[in-house]
């Protein structure tokens, strides 16, 4: 008889264990759902405050009549008019810019003036003069590649890069034989662009600007020696 009692106890323990396992299995998913519900309730109740970020000021600026501006591909120009036009039922305001060196009038919409810039300051002009006084950088790459780089710098609209082209292509002389045709063309293009901006900023005559630039480049001294 005692042996039979022991077997019953073992069976009871096994049943209790099975019940506990089942209870645990049932509780786990319930707990997970409750936790997820709490998280969602917290996330819905405690939503982070969305602060409105103020829009940064645009790079566009308003120019006035008779202001000098620089259009990278054409150089210095003067605003001759600010006009309005209705295109496709949309009112568009634009500048009329006259490029004196090329005898060209550009029409630039005010909302598309990302490349347009105001003329340089006197400090920037002085910096350009110091660049012209430095020694030219001689690169040993093929001329076709260098010519492409120089052309990109000229059309970049950046005055320091323009000054670097003038300095690098300067031969300290006015003799045509010392430069190839394409080299001289690029030099003259960069020289005239820089000169026109010097004139607009310094408000002096073309001759005075040329003397100033040639002195910085050492061209005037070289011309005196040849004479």
Protein backbone atom coordinates (compact mmCIF):
# COMPACT_ATOMS: atom_id res chain seq x y z
CA UNK A 1 0.00 0.00 0.00
CA UNK A 2 2.70 2.66 0.73
CA UNK A 3 4.17 2.14 -2.76
CA UNK A 4 0.85 3.04 -4.41
CA UNK A 5 0.57 6.29 -2.39
CA UNK A 6 4.00 7.43 -3.61
CA UNK A 7 3.03 6.99 -7.25
CA UNK A 8 -0.10 9.11 -6.76
CA UNK A 9 1.98 11.96 -5.28
CA UNK A 10 4.34 11.89 -8.24
CA UNK A 11 1.42 12.05 -10.63
CA UNK A 12 -0.03 15.03 -8.73
CA UNK A 13 3.29 16.90 -8.90
CA UNK A 14 3.53 16.31 -12.63
CA UNK A 15 0.00 17.65 -13.12
CA UNK A 16 0.80 20.76 -11.06
CA UNK A 17 3.93 21.41 -13.17
CA UNK A 18 1.95 21.07 -16.40
CA UNK A 19 -0.67 23.53 -15.13
CA UNK A 20 2.05 26.02 -14.16
CA UNK A 21 3.68 25.77 -17.60
CA UNK A 22 0.33 26.35 -19.29
CA UNK A 23 -0.38 29.33 -17.08
CA UNK A 24 3.02 30.82 -17.91
CA UNK A 25 2.43 30.32 -21.61
CA UNK A 26 -0.93 32.05 -21.35
CA UNK A 27 0.45 34.93 -19.27
CA UNK A 28 3.42 35.73 -21.52
CA UNK A 29 1.48 36.86 -24.60
CA UNK A 30 -0.95 38.78 -22.38
CA UNK A 31 1.93 40.60 -20.75
CA UNK A 32 3.45 41.42 -24.12
CA UNK A 33 0.18 42.84 -25.42
CA UNK A 34 -0.23 44.90 -22.26
CA UNK A 35 3.30 46.24 -22.55
CA UNK A 36 2.80 47.10 -26.18
CA UNK A 37 -0.47 48.83 -25.31
CA UNK A 38 1.32 50.86 -22.63
CA UNK A 39 4.02 51.86 -25.09
CA UNK A 40 1.49 52.96 -27.67
CA UNK A 41 -0.47 54.88 -25.07
CA UNK A 42 2.71 56.56 -23.88
CA UNK A 43 3.77 57.36 -27.42
CA UNK A 44 0.33 58.79 -28.21
CA UNK A 45 0.10 60.76 -24.96
CA UNK A 46 3.74 61.92 -24.87
CA UNK A 47 4.22 63.02 -28.46
CA UNK A 48 7.36 65.15 -28.87
CA UNK A 49 6.68 68.79 -29.56
CA UNK A 50 7.47 69.66 -33.15
CA UNK A 51 9.12 73.04 -33.15
CA UNK A 52 8.73 75.03 -36.31
CA UNK A 53 12.15 75.82 -37.75
CA UNK A 54 12.40 79.30 -39.12
CA UNK A 55 13.27 79.39 -42.78
CA UNK A 56 16.81 80.50 -43.46
CA UNK A 57 17.09 83.74 -45.39
CA UNK A 58 17.55 83.13 -49.08
CA UNK A 59 20.76 84.08 -50.83
CA UNK A 60 18.79 86.28 -53.18
CA UNK A 61 19.32 89.98 -52.75
CA UNK A 62 17.60 92.95 -54.26
CA UNK A 63 19.69 95.09 -56.56
CA UNK A 64 18.85 98.62 -57.57
CA UNK A 65 19.03 100.47 -60.85
CA UNK A 66 22.57 101.37 -61.98
CA UNK A 67 24.08 98.77 -59.62
CA UNK A 68 27.05 96.84 -60.96
CA UNK A 69 26.76 93.06 -60.77
CA UNK A 70 28.80 90.10 -62.00
CA UNK A 71 27.37 87.37 -64.20
CA UNK A 72 30.00 84.56 -64.28
CA UNK A 73 29.86 83.74 -68.00
CA UNK A 74 29.91 87.36 -69.16
CA UNK A 75 31.58 89.43 -66.45
CA UNK A 76 30.63 92.82 -65.02
CA UNK A 77 27.35 94.38 -66.06
CA UNK A 78 25.14 97.26 -65.05
CA UNK A 79 21.44 96.99 -64.15
CA UNK A 80 19.64 99.24 -66.61
CA UNK A 81 16.03 98.28 -65.76
CA UNK A 82 13.86 96.24 -63.39
CA UNK A 83 10.80 95.06 -65.29
CA UNK A 84 7.76 92.82 -64.88
CA UNK A 85 6.16 90.45 -67.34
CA UNK A 86 3.20 88.07 -67.28
CA UNK A 87 4.20 84.65 -68.60
CA UNK A 88 1.63 81.83 -68.38
CA UNK A 89 -0.53 83.86 -65.97
CA UNK A 90 2.46 84.25 -63.65
CA UNK A 91 3.97 87.64 -62.85
CA UNK A 92 7.74 87.50 -63.24
CA UNK A 93 10.10 90.26 -62.20
CA UNK A 94 13.53 90.43 -63.82
CA UNK A 95 16.64 92.53 -64.24
CA UNK A 96 17.96 93.95 -67.49
CA UNK A 97 21.76 93.80 -67.27
CA UNK A 98 23.97 95.48 -69.85
CA UNK A 99 27.43 93.96 -70.37
CA UNK A 100 29.43 96.80 -71.86
CA UNK A 101 32.48 94.76 -72.94
CA UNK A 102 30.33 92.41 -75.01
CA UNK A 103 27.62 94.93 -75.94
CA UNK A 104 25.09 92.43 -74.62
CA UNK A 105 21.87 92.82 -72.60
CA UNK A 106 20.90 89.95 -70.29
CA UNK A 107 17.46 89.25 -68.86
CA UNK A 108 17.79 87.62 -65.45
CA UNK A 109 14.64 86.69 -63.42
CA UNK A 110 14.91 87.83 -59.80
CA UNK A 111 13.97 84.34 -58.53
CA UNK A 112 16.74 82.76 -60.65
CA UNK A 113 19.72 84.86 -59.67
CA UNK A 114 21.76 82.22 -57.82
CA UNK A 115 24.81 82.82 -60.02
CA UNK A 116 24.51 86.59 -59.97
CA UNK A 117 26.70 88.36 -57.44
CA UNK A 118 27.49 91.90 -56.42
CA UNK A 119 30.86 93.41 -57.32
CA UNK A 120 33.78 92.88 -54.97
CA UNK A 121 34.80 95.08 -52.07
CA UNK A 122 37.98 97.21 -51.99
CA UNK A 123 39.54 94.66 -49.62
CA UNK A 124 38.93 91.90 -52.17
CA UNK A 125 40.48 94.06 -54.91
CA UNK A 126 43.56 94.59 -52.74
CA UNK A 127 43.74 90.84 -52.20
CA UNK A 128 43.63 90.35 -55.98
CA UNK A 129 46.53 92.79 -56.43
CA UNK A 130 48.58 90.77 -53.92
CA UNK A 131 47.74 87.60 -55.92
CA UNK A 132 48.95 89.27 -59.14
CA UNK A 133 52.28 90.04 -57.44
CA UNK A 134 52.98 86.40 -56.58
CA UNK A 135 54.92 84.00 -58.80
CA UNK A 136 52.92 82.07 -61.42
CA UNK A 137 52.27 78.38 -60.81
CA UNK A 138 53.81 76.32 -63.58
CA UNK A 139 52.00 73.02 -64.17
CA UNK A 140 53.50 70.25 -66.27
CA UNK A 141 50.19 68.84 -67.44
CA UNK A 142 49.04 68.99 -71.06
CA UNK A 143 47.99 72.41 -72.31
CA UNK A 144 44.52 71.19 -73.33
CA UNK A 145 43.79 70.17 -69.74
CA UNK A 146 45.24 73.37 -68.31
CA UNK A 147 43.27 75.46 -70.80
CA UNK A 148 40.07 73.75 -69.68
CA UNK A 149 40.89 74.47 -66.02
CA UNK A 150 41.64 78.12 -66.79
CA UNK A 151 38.41 78.51 -68.73
CA UNK A 152 36.41 77.03 -65.82
CA UNK A 153 38.06 79.47 -63.41
CA UNK A 154 37.31 82.43 -65.68
CA UNK A 155 33.62 81.45 -65.91
CA UNK A 156 33.31 80.61 -62.20
CA UNK A 157 32.60 84.25 -61.33
CA UNK A 158 35.07 84.08 -58.41
CA UNK A 159 37.40 87.06 -58.49
CA UNK A 160 40.33 85.31 -56.75
CA UNK A 161 40.30 82.50 -59.31
CA UNK A 162 40.20 85.09 -62.07
CA UNK A 163 43.24 86.82 -60.59
CA UNK A 164 45.08 83.47 -60.42
CA UNK A 165 44.49 82.85 -64.15
CA UNK A 166 45.83 86.31 -65.03
CA UNK A 167 48.88 85.72 -62.82
CA UNK A 168 49.59 82.21 -64.15
CA UNK A 169 49.24 83.18 -67.84
CA UNK A 170 51.16 86.43 -67.51
CA UNK A 171 54.45 86.45 -69.46
CA UNK A 172 55.66 89.89 -68.25
CA UNK A 173 55.68 91.02 -71.85
CA UNK A 174 53.42 92.22 -74.61
CA UNK A 175 55.22 90.36 -77.40
CA UNK A 176 52.80 88.02 -79.20
CA UNK A 177 55.51 85.46 -80.05
CA UNK A 178 55.97 84.64 -76.36
CA UNK A 179 52.49 83.13 -76.09
CA UNK A 180 50.46 80.68 -78.15
CA UNK A 181 47.23 81.94 -79.68
CA UNK A 182 44.92 80.01 -77.29
CA UNK A 183 47.06 80.98 -74.28
CA UNK A 184 46.94 84.65 -75.21
CA UNK A 185 43.16 84.48 -75.77
CA UNK A 186 42.57 83.07 -72.29
CA UNK A 187 44.92 85.62 -70.75
CA UNK A 188 43.18 88.55 -72.46
CA UNK A 189 39.73 87.21 -71.49
CA UNK A 190 40.70 86.88 -67.82
CA UNK A 191 42.62 90.20 -67.86
CA UNK A 192 39.64 92.14 -69.29
CA UNK A 193 37.18 90.54 -66.85
CA UNK A 194 39.37 91.44 -63.90
CA UNK A 195 40.06 94.90 -65.25
CA UNK A 196 36.33 95.68 -65.69
CA UNK A 197 35.63 94.72 -62.07
CA UNK A 198 38.57 96.85 -60.88
CA UNK A 199 37.07 99.81 -62.79
CA UNK A 200 33.60 99.31 -61.27
CA UNK A 201 34.91 99.01 -57.70
CA UNK A 202 37.69 101.63 -57.73
CA UNK A 203 35.70 104.03 -59.97
CA UNK A 204 38.75 105.08 -61.96
CA UNK A 205 39.54 105.21 -65.66
CA UNK A 206 40.47 102.16 -67.72
CA UNK A 207 44.03 103.48 -68.20
CA UNK A 208 44.62 103.91 -64.47
CA UNK A 209 43.37 100.38 -63.77
CA UNK A 210 45.61 98.95 -66.50
CA UNK A 211 48.65 100.72 -65.01
CA UNK A 212 47.79 99.35 -61.56
CA UNK A 213 47.38 95.79 -62.82
CA UNK A 214 50.46 95.88 -65.07
CA UNK A 215 52.56 97.19 -62.20
CA UNK A 216 51.43 94.30 -59.97
CA UNK A 217 52.16 91.81 -62.78
CA UNK A 218 55.56 93.36 -63.55
CA UNK A 219 54.51 94.03 -67.13
CA UNK A 220 55.23 97.77 -67.05
CA UNK A 221 58.87 97.20 -66.03
CA UNK A 222 59.30 94.59 -68.74
CA UNK A 223 57.85 96.93 -71.39
CA UNK A 224 60.15 99.75 -70.30
CA UNK A 225 63.18 97.47 -70.69
CA UNK A 226 62.13 96.40 -74.18
CA UNK A 227 61.75 100.03 -75.22
